[in-house]
Amino acid sequence: MKTFLIVNDSKAASRLLARIILSVFPNAEIAEATDGFEAAIRVGKAPPDILLADLNIPNMNGFQIIEAIH
């Protein structure tokens, strides 16, 4: 089973991405974060297999999240 973390401050965009993921990976586990700090905490607790991050989000942009994880 694949685990995904969607990082986006738009609830509508997150829901759309989740539907797309589930159409391809019906057994996927999907977590969501609305800002960079929340995403970093979630990754620290349970690293996802795949991270989908918006580049323009509050507190830490998508590039900064990836840099912090790396």
C-alpha atoms as a PDB file:
ATOM      1  CA  MET A   1       0.000   0.000   0.000  1.00  0.00           C
ATOM      2  CA  LYS A   2       1.331   3.424  -0.970  1.00  0.00           C
ATOM      3  CA  THR A   3       1.162   6.352   1.433  1.00  0.00           C
ATOM      4  CA  PHE A   4       0.747   9.891   0.149  1.00  0.00           C
ATOM      5  CA  LEU A   5       1.005  13.288   1.795  1.00  0.00           C
ATOM      6  CA  ILE A   6      -0.805  16.121   0.038  1.00  0.00           C
ATOM      7  CA  VAL A   7       0.387  19.569   1.121  1.00  0.00           C
ATOM      8  CA  ASN A   8      -1.935  22.287  -0.111  1.00  0.00           C
ATOM      9  CA  ASP A   9      -3.766  25.196   1.499  1.00  0.00           C
ATOM     10  CA  SER A  10      -6.685  24.752  -0.915  1.00  0.00           C
ATOM     11  CA  LYS A  11      -9.146  22.152   0.379  1.00  0.00           C
ATOM     12  CA  ALA A  12     -10.685  21.804  -3.109  1.00  0.00           C
ATOM     13  CA  ALA A  13      -7.301  21.086  -4.708  1.00  0.00           C
ATOM     14  CA  SER A  14      -6.459  18.555  -1.981  1.00  0.00           C
ATOM     15  CA  ARG A  15      -9.762  16.740  -2.486  1.00  0.00           C
ATOM     16  CA  LEU A  16      -9.218  16.623  -6.246  1.00  0.00           C
ATOM     17  CA  LEU A  17      -5.711  15.213  -5.840  1.00  0.00           C
ATOM     18  CA  ALA A  18      -6.992  12.630  -3.343  1.00  0.00           C
ATOM     19  CA  ARG A  19      -9.679  11.478  -5.804  1.00  0.00           C
ATOM     20  CA  ILE A  20      -7.119  11.172  -8.585  1.00  0.00           C
ATOM     21  CA  ILE A  21      -4.735   9.211  -6.357  1.00  0.00           C
ATOM     22  CA  LEU A  22      -7.499   6.862  -5.210  1.00  0.00           C
ATOM     23  CA  SER A  23      -8.564   6.228  -8.795  1.00  0.00           C
ATOM     24  CA  VAL A  24      -5.076   4.904  -9.539  1.00  0.00           C
ATOM     25  CA  PHE A  25      -4.203   3.476  -6.106  1.00  0.00           C
ATOM     26  CA  PRO A  26      -7.534   2.421  -4.537  1.00  0.00           C
ATOM     27  CA  ASN A  27      -5.855   1.176  -1.343  1.00  0.00           C
ATOM     28  CA  ALA A  28      -3.686   4.255  -0.856  1.00  0.00           C
ATOM     29  CA  GLU A  29      -3.408   5.909   2.512  1.00  0.00           C
ATOM     30  CA  ILE A  30      -3.676   9.681   2.103  1.00  0.00           C
ATOM     31  CA  ALA A  31      -2.752  12.316   4.672  1.00  0.00           C
ATOM     32  CA  GLU A  32      -3.131  16.055   4.206  1.00  0.00           C
ATOM     33  CA  ALA A  33      -1.366  19.135   5.527  1.00  0.00           C
ATOM     34  CA  THR A  34      -2.352  22.748   4.916  1.00  0.00           C
ATOM     35  CA  ASP A  35       1.023  24.407   5.487  1.00  0.00           C
ATOM     36  CA  GLY A  36       4.725  23.684   5.469  1.00  0.00           C
ATOM     37  CA  PHE A  37       5.205  23.265   9.213  1.00  0.00           C
ATOM     38  CA  GLU A  38       2.367  20.769   9.469  1.00  0.00           C
ATOM     39  CA  ALA A  39       3.837  18.864   6.516  1.00  0.00           C
ATOM     40  CA  ALA A  40       7.293  18.741   8.104  1.00  0.00           C
ATOM     41  CA  ILE A  41       5.822  17.392  11.350  1.00  0.00           C
ATOM     42  CA  ARG A  42       3.807  14.727   9.504  1.00  0.00           C
ATOM     43  CA  VAL A  43       6.850  13.641   7.485  1.00  0.00           C
ATOM     44  CA  GLY A  44       8.911  13.434  10.671  1.00  0.00           C
ATOM     45  CA  LYS A  45       6.307  11.201  12.338  1.00  0.00           C
ATOM     46  CA  ALA A  46       5.482   8.975   9.363  1.00  0.00           C
ATOM     47  CA  PRO A  47       7.350   9.564   6.094  1.00  0.00           C
ATOM     48  CA  PRO A  48       5.054   9.067   3.088  1.00  0.00           C
ATOM     49  CA  ASP A  49       6.026   7.128   0.005  1.00  0.00           C
ATOM     50  CA  ILE A  50       5.003  10.110  -2.125  1.00  0.00           C
ATOM     51  CA  LEU A  51       4.808  13.802  -1.220  1.00  0.00           C
ATOM     52  CA  LEU A  52       2.733  16.188  -3.340  1.00  0.00           C
ATOM     53  CA  ALA A  53       3.398  19.770  -2.269  1.00  0.00           C
ATOM     54  CA  ASP A  54       2.013  23.037  -3.550  1.00  0.00           C
ATOM     55  CA  LEU A  55       4.844  25.490  -4.125  1.00  0.00           C
ATOM     56  CA  ASN A  56       2.932  28.466  -2.721  1.00  0.00           C
ATOM     57  CA  ILE A  57       1.692  27.585   0.773  1.00  0.00           C
ATOM     58  CA  PRO A  58       1.879  29.314   4.159  1.00  0.00           C
ATOM     59  CA  ASN A  59       4.836  29.127   6.570  1.00  0.00           C
ATOM     60  CA  MET A  60       7.159  27.127   4.320  1.00  0.00           C
ATOM     61  CA  ASN A  61       6.862  26.747   0.548  1.00  0.00           C
ATOM     62  CA  GLY A  62       7.068  23.439  -1.285  1.00  0.00           C
ATOM     63  CA  PHE A  63      10.775  23.853  -2.072  1.00  0.00           C
ATOM     64  CA  GLN A  64      11.561  24.598   1.576  1.00  0.00           C
ATOM     65  CA  ILE A  65       9.644  21.498   2.694  1.00  0.00           C
ATOM     66  CA  ILE A  66      11.639  19.304   0.339  1.00  0.00           C
ATOM     67  CA  GLU A  67      14.889  20.935   1.411  1.00  0.00           C
ATOM     68  CA  ALA A  68      14.039  20.420   5.100  1.00  0.00           C
ATOM     69  CA  ILE A  69      13.198  16.762   4.501  1.00  0.00           C
ATOM     70  CA  HIS A  70      16.324  16.165   2.492  1.00  0.00           C
END
